[in-house]
Amino acid sequence: GLGTAPVAELHILHTKTLEWSVVSCISSSMLPIPSARSAHTLTRIGSKVWMFGGLGYDETDRAVRKGKLKVLNDIHCLQLHSPSPSPSSHELSSKERAGELGGVWSQPLHLSGRKPARRSAHSACAIGSHLLICGGANGNMYFSCSDIHILHTTSGRWSSLSTSTPSLSPRLRPAMASSASLSRVQGDWLMVFGGGILESSGLPPHEVYKSDG
């Protein structure tokens, strides 16, 4: 949260037993695992989890040496994996079995298109193999974002979503929901509800926007 030091731990909740465990992760290259951060997003698409942005430390920036946080727009991908069960796995507790889940971090460096600007406190969701990023703060406490960006994870290409009026007002942490990609009758849609907005905008906090694709 605000005013606290960010961390870089990944936890998983075993939903059958409601027990927490730490996921063991490694990096697939010489690049380190994602830096400690807060106000970022994690979105699962298939067996991969995509992390975008947030407020944390940028290893490429000298400000890190001074312990300063920075708004980020980097993207990382975690490939989840589960080891094959051993003959004695039935003797393990549910918490130990949950802890067997691991992953390998990688950072896509050759994405095409224009990636989203730096932001934190944004929202994200998935439609099929597409990762959608919406809203957030760009580091200026008086300005938030209203744009929506799409990462086509299969082709590695960024694009932006153009919507009809009324346009989405700038906001922090809106709630996002999308239709199932297999719905052929109603088509794909993205719904955005609420979020933090500037009082000067004059918009009601309960407004709902729906974009049909």
C-alpha atoms as a PDB file:
ATOM      1  CA  GLY A   1       0.000   0.000   0.000  1.00  0.00           C
ATOM      2  CA  LEU A   2       0.881   3.682  -0.053  1.00  0.00           C
ATOM      3  CA  GLY A   3       3.645   4.668   2.330  1.00  0.00           C
ATOM      4  CA  THR A   4       4.971   1.114   2.649  1.00  0.00           C
ATOM      5  CA  ALA A   5       7.989  -0.604   1.138  1.00  0.00           C
ATOM      6  CA  PRO A   6       7.159  -2.818  -1.886  1.00  0.00           C
ATOM      7  CA  VAL A   7       8.004  -6.520  -1.826  1.00  0.00           C
ATOM      8  CA  ALA A   8       8.755  -9.105  -4.511  1.00  0.00           C
ATOM      9  CA  GLU A   9       7.127 -12.212  -3.060  1.00  0.00           C
ATOM     10  CA  LEU A  10       4.631 -14.367  -4.944  1.00  0.00           C
ATOM     11  CA  HIS A  11       2.035 -16.238  -2.894  1.00  0.00           C
ATOM     12  CA  ILE A  12      -0.642 -18.727  -3.859  1.00  0.00           C
ATOM     13  CA  LEU A  13      -3.848 -19.608  -2.024  1.00  0.00           C
ATOM     14  CA  HIS A  14      -4.751 -23.282  -2.138  1.00  0.00           C
ATOM     15  CA  THR A  15      -8.513 -22.845  -2.509  1.00  0.00           C
ATOM     16  CA  LYS A  16      -9.481 -26.298  -1.225  1.00  0.00           C
ATOM     17  CA  THR A  17      -7.744 -25.861   2.118  1.00  0.00           C
ATOM     18  CA  LEU A  18      -7.533 -22.040   2.211  1.00  0.00           C
ATOM     19  CA  GLU A  19      -3.825 -22.238   3.015  1.00  0.00           C
ATOM     20  CA  TRP A  20      -1.192 -19.823   1.696  1.00  0.00           C
ATOM     21  CA  SER A  21       2.243 -20.784   0.386  1.00  0.00           C
ATOM     22  CA  VAL A  22       5.103 -19.007  -1.398  1.00  0.00           C
ATOM     23  CA  VAL A  23       5.655 -19.833  -5.076  1.00  0.00           C
ATOM     24  CA  SER A  24       9.271 -20.587  -5.930  1.00  0.00           C
ATOM     25  CA  CYS A  25      10.315 -18.704  -9.072  1.00  0.00           C
ATOM     26  CA  ILE A  26      13.496 -18.415 -11.120  1.00  0.00           C
ATOM     27  CA  SER A  27      14.545 -16.273 -14.079  1.00  0.00           C
ATOM     28  CA  SER A  28      14.955 -17.704 -17.578  1.00  0.00           C
ATOM     29  CA  SER A  29      17.867 -15.398 -18.458  1.00  0.00           C
ATOM     30  CA  MET A  30      20.521 -13.151 -16.989  1.00  0.00           C
ATOM     31  CA  LEU A  31      17.777 -10.637 -16.221  1.00  0.00           C
ATOM     32  CA  PRO A  32      16.607 -10.632 -12.602  1.00  0.00           C
ATOM     33  CA  ILE A  33      13.095 -11.527 -11.569  1.00  0.00           C
ATOM     34  CA  PRO A  34      10.708  -8.542 -11.476  1.00  0.00           C
ATOM     35  CA  SER A  35      11.696  -5.868  -8.995  1.00  0.00           C
ATOM     36  CA  ALA A  36       9.715  -5.274  -5.813  1.00  0.00           C
ATOM     37  CA  ARG A  37       6.625  -3.190  -6.527  1.00  0.00           C
ATOM     38  CA  SER A  38       3.074  -2.305  -5.585  1.00  0.00           C
ATOM     39  CA  ALA A  39      -0.038  -1.062  -7.438  1.00  0.00           C
ATOM     40  CA  HIS A  40       0.719  -3.359 -10.408  1.00  0.00           C
ATOM     41  CA  THR A  41      -1.427  -6.027 -12.073  1.00  0.00           C
ATOM     42  CA  LEU A  42      -1.175  -9.798 -12.497  1.00  0.00           C
ATOM     43  CA  THR A  43      -3.325 -11.415 -15.183  1.00  0.00           C
ATOM     44  CA  ARG A  44      -3.430 -15.107 -15.991  1.00  0.00           C
ATOM     45  CA  ILE A  45      -3.752 -16.225 -19.613  1.00  0.00           C
ATOM     46  CA  GLY A  46      -3.516 -19.991 -19.962  1.00  0.00           C
ATOM     47  CA  SER A  47      -0.477 -21.287 -18.099  1.00  0.00           C
ATOM     48  CA  LYS A  48       1.176 -17.851 -18.034  1.00  0.00           C
ATOM     49  CA  VAL A  49       0.755 -14.898 -15.696  1.00  0.00           C
ATOM     50  CA  TRP A  50       1.464 -11.413 -17.058  1.00  0.00           C
ATOM     51  CA  MET A  51       2.688  -8.593 -14.816  1.00  0.00           C
ATOM     52  CA  PHE A  52       2.522  -4.967 -15.920  1.00  0.00           C
ATOM     53  CA  GLY A  53       3.668  -1.668 -14.448  1.00  0.00           C
ATOM     54  CA  GLY A  54       3.231  -0.550 -10.872  1.00  0.00           C
ATOM     55  CA  LEU A  55       5.228   1.546  -8.441  1.00  0.00           C
ATOM     56  CA  GLY A  56       8.640   0.107  -7.666  1.00  0.00           C
ATOM     57  CA  TYR A  57      12.341   0.100  -8.369  1.00  0.00           C
ATOM     58  CA  ASP A  58      13.717   0.418 -11.897  1.00  0.00           C
ATOM     59  CA  GLU A  59      17.062  -1.400 -12.063  1.00  0.00           C
ATOM     60  CA  THR A  60      18.066   0.664 -15.115  1.00  0.00           C
ATOM     61  CA  ASP A  61      17.567   3.988 -13.310  1.00  0.00           C
ATOM     62  CA  ARG A  62      20.112   5.632 -11.037  1.00  0.00           C
ATOM     63  CA  ALA A  63      17.293   6.665  -8.703  1.00  0.00           C
ATOM     64  CA  VAL A  64      17.286   3.111  -7.404  1.00  0.00           C
ATOM     65  CA  ARG A  65      20.594   3.755  -5.691  1.00  0.00           C
ATOM     66  CA  LYS A  66      18.887   6.512  -3.732  1.00  0.00           C
ATOM     67  CA  GLY A  67      16.028   4.229  -2.737  1.00  0.00           C
ATOM     68  CA  LYS A  68      13.419   6.144  -4.722  1.00  0.00           C
ATOM     69  CA  LEU A  69      10.328   4.494  -6.181  1.00  0.00           C
ATOM     70  CA  LYS A  70       9.333   5.053  -9.793  1.00  0.00           C
ATOM     71  CA  VAL A  71       6.218   4.469 -11.859  1.00  0.00           C
ATOM     72  CA  LEU A  72       6.938   1.567 -14.245  1.00  0.00           C
ATOM     73  CA  ASN A  73       5.680   0.276 -17.583  1.00  0.00           C
ATOM     74  CA  ASP A  74       7.705  -2.914 -17.861  1.00  0.00           C
ATOM     75  CA  ILE A  75       6.040  -6.231 -18.576  1.00  0.00           C
ATOM     76  CA  HIS A  76       7.043  -9.663 -17.292  1.00  0.00           C
ATOM     77  CA  CYS A  77       5.695 -13.139 -17.979  1.00  0.00           C
ATOM     78  CA  LEU A  78       5.609 -16.000 -15.491  1.00  0.00           C
ATOM     79  CA  GLN A  79       5.364 -19.486 -16.977  1.00  0.00           C
ATOM     80  CA  LEU A  80       3.724 -21.639 -14.321  1.00  0.00           C
ATOM     81  CA  HIS A  81       4.707 -25.267 -13.938  1.00  0.00           C
ATOM     82  CA  SER A  82       3.941 -28.086 -11.551  1.00  0.00           C
ATOM     83  CA  PRO A  83       6.382 -30.947 -11.012  1.00  0.00           C
ATOM     84  CA  SER A  84       5.233 -34.464 -11.777  1.00  0.00           C
ATOM     85  CA  PRO A  85       3.766 -36.095  -8.664  1.00  0.00           C
ATOM     86  CA  SER A  86       6.102 -38.467  -6.882  1.00  0.00           C
ATOM     87  CA  PRO A  87       4.987 -41.818  -5.440  1.00  0.00           C
ATOM     88  CA  SER A  88       5.116 -40.301  -1.961  1.00  0.00           C
ATOM     89  CA  SER A  89       3.236 -37.105  -2.854  1.00  0.00           C
ATOM     90  CA  HIS A  90       0.098 -38.403  -1.139  1.00  0.00           C
ATOM     91  CA  GLU A  91       2.004 -38.236   2.131  1.00  0.00           C
ATOM     92  CA  LEU A  92       2.508 -34.478   1.807  1.00  0.00           C
ATOM     93  CA  SER A  93       0.179 -31.989   3.415  1.00  0.00           C
ATOM     94  CA  SER A  94      -2.068 -29.876   1.211  1.00  0.00           C
ATOM     95  CA  LYS A  95       0.085 -26.850   2.006  1.00  0.00           C
ATOM     96  CA  GLU A  96       3.248 -28.677   0.915  1.00  0.00           C
ATOM     97  CA  ARG A  97       1.565 -29.802  -2.301  1.00  0.00           C
ATOM     98  CA  ALA A  98       0.484 -26.205  -3.012  1.00  0.00           C
ATOM     99  CA  GLY A  99       4.065 -25.088  -2.450  1.00  0.00           C
ATOM    100  CA  GLU A 100       5.253 -27.409  -5.239  1.00  0.00           C
ATOM    101  CA  LEU A 101       3.875 -24.999  -7.824  1.00  0.00           C
ATOM    102  CA  GLY A 102       6.714 -22.992  -9.351  1.00  0.00           C
ATOM    103  CA  GLY A 103       7.398 -20.737 -12.255  1.00  0.00           C
ATOM    104  CA  VAL A 104       9.962 -19.189 -14.568  1.00  0.00           C
ATOM    105  CA  TRP A 105      10.031 -15.436 -15.124  1.00  0.00           C
ATOM    106  CA  SER A 106      10.912 -13.937 -18.494  1.00  0.00           C
ATOM    107  CA  GLN A 107      10.770 -10.411 -19.855  1.00  0.00           C
ATOM    108  CA  PRO A 108       9.599  -9.961 -23.459  1.00  0.00           C
ATOM    109  CA  LEU A 109      12.022  -7.427 -24.922  1.00  0.00           C
ATOM    110  CA  HIS A 110      11.025  -7.387 -28.581  1.00  0.00           C
ATOM    111  CA  LEU A 111       7.377  -6.379 -28.528  1.00  0.00           C
ATOM    112  CA  SER A 112       6.069  -4.305 -31.418  1.00  0.00           C
ATOM    113  CA  GLY A 113       3.645  -1.401 -31.317  1.00  0.00           C
ATOM    114  CA  ARG A 114       3.436   1.427 -28.828  1.00  0.00           C
ATOM    115  CA  LYS A 115       3.362   0.149 -25.265  1.00  0.00           C
ATOM    116  CA  PRO A 116       1.341   1.917 -22.565  1.00  0.00           C
ATOM    117  CA  ALA A 117       2.869   4.843 -20.726  1.00  0.00           C
ATOM    118  CA  ARG A 118       4.208   4.331 -17.217  1.00  0.00           C
ATOM    119  CA  ARG A 119       1.405   3.811 -14.721  1.00  0.00           C
ATOM    120  CA  SER A 120       0.390   2.368 -11.378  1.00  0.00           C
ATOM    121  CA  ALA A 121      -2.985   1.676  -9.758  1.00  0.00           C
ATOM    122  CA  HIS A 122      -4.343   0.580 -13.128  1.00  0.00           C
ATOM    123  CA  SER A 123      -6.522  -2.440 -13.914  1.00  0.00           C
ATOM    124  CA  ALA A 124      -6.093  -5.404 -16.247  1.00  0.00           C
ATOM    125  CA  CYS A 125      -8.086  -8.345 -17.537  1.00  0.00           C
ATOM    126  CA  ALA A 126      -7.918 -10.900 -20.337  1.00  0.00           C
ATOM    127  CA  ILE A 127     -10.101 -11.579 -23.355  1.00  0.00           C
ATOM    128  CA  GLY A 128      -8.899 -14.802 -24.918  1.00  0.00           C
ATOM    129  CA  SER A 129      -5.147 -14.428 -25.467  1.00  0.00           C
ATOM    130  CA  HIS A 130      -5.327 -10.633 -25.241  1.00  0.00           C
ATOM    131  CA  LEU A 131      -4.190  -8.662 -22.186  1.00  0.00           C
ATOM    132  CA  LEU A 132      -6.064  -5.394 -21.616  1.00  0.00           C
ATOM    133  CA  ILE A 133      -4.665  -2.520 -19.529  1.00  0.00           C
ATOM    134  CA  CYS A 134      -6.984   0.288 -18.401  1.00  0.00           C
ATOM    135  CA  GLY A 135      -6.596   3.526 -16.446  1.00  0.00           C
ATOM    136  CA  GLY A 136      -4.097   4.156 -13.685  1.00  0.00           C
ATOM    137  CA  ALA A 137      -1.890   7.002 -12.482  1.00  0.00           C
ATOM    138  CA  ASN A 138       1.158   8.181 -14.412  1.00  0.00           C
ATOM    139  CA  GLY A 139       3.072   9.444 -11.393  1.00  0.00           C
ATOM    140  CA  ASN A 140       1.446  12.873 -11.275  1.00  0.00           C
ATOM    141  CA  MET A 141      -1.040  12.978  -8.401  1.00  0.00           C
ATOM    142  CA  TYR A 142      -3.221  15.355 -10.416  1.00  0.00           C
ATOM    143  CA  PHE A 143      -3.481  13.201 -13.530  1.00  0.00           C
ATOM    144  CA  SER A 144      -4.798   9.724 -14.170  1.00  0.00           C
ATOM    145  CA  CYS A 145      -5.128   7.724 -17.376  1.00  0.00           C
ATOM    146  CA  SER A 146      -8.234   6.941 -19.393  1.00  0.00           C
ATOM    147  CA  ASP A 147      -6.696   4.916 -22.228  1.00  0.00           C
ATOM    148  CA  ILE A 148      -7.083   1.195 -22.871  1.00  0.00           C
ATOM    149  CA  HIS A 149      -4.208  -0.823 -24.355  1.00  0.00           C
ATOM    150  CA  ILE A 150      -4.135  -4.378 -25.647  1.00  0.00           C
ATOM    151  CA  LEU A 151      -1.195  -6.770 -25.718  1.00  0.00           C
ATOM    152  CA  HIS A 152      -1.675  -9.536 -28.267  1.00  0.00           C
ATOM    153  CA  THR A 153       0.308 -12.130 -26.344  1.00  0.00           C
ATOM    154  CA  THR A 154       0.553 -14.604 -29.224  1.00  0.00           C
ATOM    155  CA  SER A 155       2.100 -12.100 -31.649  1.00  0.00           C
ATOM    156  CA  GLY A 156       3.826  -9.846 -29.118  1.00  0.00           C
ATOM    157  CA  ARG A 157       2.174  -6.667 -30.381  1.00  0.00           C
ATOM    158  CA  TRP A 158       0.754  -3.695 -28.487  1.00  0.00           C
ATOM    159  CA  SER A 159      -2.252  -1.764 -29.784  1.00  0.00           C
ATOM    160  CA  SER A 160      -4.714   0.738 -28.327  1.00  0.00           C
ATOM    161  CA  LEU A 161      -8.483   0.411 -28.140  1.00  0.00           C
ATOM    162  CA  SER A 162     -10.507   3.142 -29.812  1.00  0.00           C
ATOM    163  CA  THR A 163     -13.977   3.522 -28.345  1.00  0.00           C
ATOM    164  CA  SER A 164     -17.055   5.486 -29.351  1.00  0.00           C
ATOM    165  CA  THR A 165     -18.527   8.267 -27.211  1.00  0.00           C
ATOM    166  CA  PRO A 166     -18.970   8.674 -24.342  1.00  0.00           C
ATOM    167  CA  SER A 167     -15.272   8.126 -23.764  1.00  0.00           C
ATOM    168  CA  LEU A 168     -13.940   6.654 -20.552  1.00  0.00           C
ATOM    169  CA  SER A 169     -12.981   9.305 -17.998  1.00  0.00           C
ATOM    170  CA  PRO A 170      -9.562   9.099 -16.272  1.00  0.00           C
ATOM    171  CA  ARG A 171      -9.647   6.866 -13.194  1.00  0.00           C
ATOM    172  CA  LEU A 172      -7.643   4.697 -10.810  1.00  0.00           C
ATOM    173  CA  ARG A 173      -8.272   1.012 -10.154  1.00  0.00           C
ATOM    174  CA  PRO A 174     -11.564   0.589 -12.019  1.00  0.00           C
ATOM    175  CA  ALA A 175     -13.183  -2.830 -11.847  1.00  0.00           C
ATOM    176  CA  MET A 176     -12.996  -4.683 -15.170  1.00  0.00           C
ATOM    177  CA  ALA A 177     -14.907  -7.680 -16.473  1.00  0.00           C
ATOM    178  CA  SER A 178     -14.904  -9.331 -19.885  1.00  0.00           C
ATOM    179  CA  SER A 179     -17.056 -11.850 -21.671  1.00  0.00           C
ATOM    180  CA  ALA A 180     -15.936 -15.383 -22.405  1.00  0.00           C
ATOM    181  CA  SER A 181     -14.017 -15.485 -25.679  1.00  0.00           C
ATOM    182  CA  LEU A 182     -16.125 -18.466 -26.783  1.00  0.00           C
ATOM    183  CA  SER A 183     -19.356 -16.465 -26.836  1.00  0.00           C
ATOM    184  CA  ARG A 184     -20.319 -16.258 -30.500  1.00  0.00           C
ATOM    185  CA  VAL A 185     -23.829 -14.975 -29.985  1.00  0.00           C
ATOM    186  CA  GLN A 186     -23.186 -11.834 -27.976  1.00  0.00           C
ATOM    187  CA  GLY A 187     -19.584 -11.307 -29.051  1.00  0.00           C
ATOM    188  CA  ASP A 188     -16.723 -10.108 -26.853  1.00  0.00           C
ATOM    189  CA  TRP A 189     -17.239  -7.176 -24.520  1.00  0.00           C
ATOM    190  CA  LEU A 190     -15.374  -5.308 -21.834  1.00  0.00           C
ATOM    191  CA  MET A 191     -17.127  -3.689 -18.864  1.00  0.00           C
ATOM    192  CA  VAL A 192     -15.536  -1.036 -16.648  1.00  0.00           C
ATOM    193  CA  PHE A 193     -17.118   0.039 -13.348  1.00  0.00           C
ATOM    194  CA  GLY A 194     -16.191   2.761 -10.885  1.00  0.00           C
ATOM    195  CA  GLY A 195     -12.667   3.535  -9.787  1.00  0.00           C
ATOM    196  CA  GLY A 196     -11.044   6.616  -8.276  1.00  0.00           C
ATOM    197  CA  ILE A 197     -11.682   9.847 -10.163  1.00  0.00           C
ATOM    198  CA  LEU A 198     -10.898  13.504  -9.596  1.00  0.00           C
ATOM    199  CA  GLU A 199     -13.687  15.405  -7.891  1.00  0.00           C
ATOM    200  CA  SER A 200     -13.395  18.154 -10.499  1.00  0.00           C
ATOM    201  CA  SER A 201     -14.551  15.766 -13.243  1.00  0.00           C
ATOM    202  CA  GLY A 202     -18.130  15.900 -11.973  1.00  0.00           C
ATOM    203  CA  LEU A 203     -18.758  12.288 -12.933  1.00  0.00           C
ATOM    204  CA  PRO A 204     -20.770   9.918 -10.750  1.00  0.00           C
ATOM    205  CA  PRO A 205     -18.685   7.169  -9.089  1.00  0.00           C
ATOM    206  CA  HIS A 206     -21.144   4.466 -10.173  1.00  0.00           C
ATOM    207  CA  GLU A 207     -20.962   5.003 -13.923  1.00  0.00           C
ATOM    208  CA  VAL A 208     -20.597   1.897 -16.083  1.00  0.00           C
ATOM    209  CA  TYR A 209     -19.031   1.726 -19.548  1.00  0.00           C
ATOM    210  CA  LYS A 210     -19.368  -1.168 -21.931  1.00  0.00           C
ATOM    211  CA  SER A 211     -17.269  -1.609 -25.066  1.00  0.00           C
ATOM    212  CA  ASP A 212     -18.299  -4.197 -27.636  1.00  0.00           C
ATOM    213  CA  GLY A 213     -15.614  -5.813 -29.762  1.00  0.00           C
END
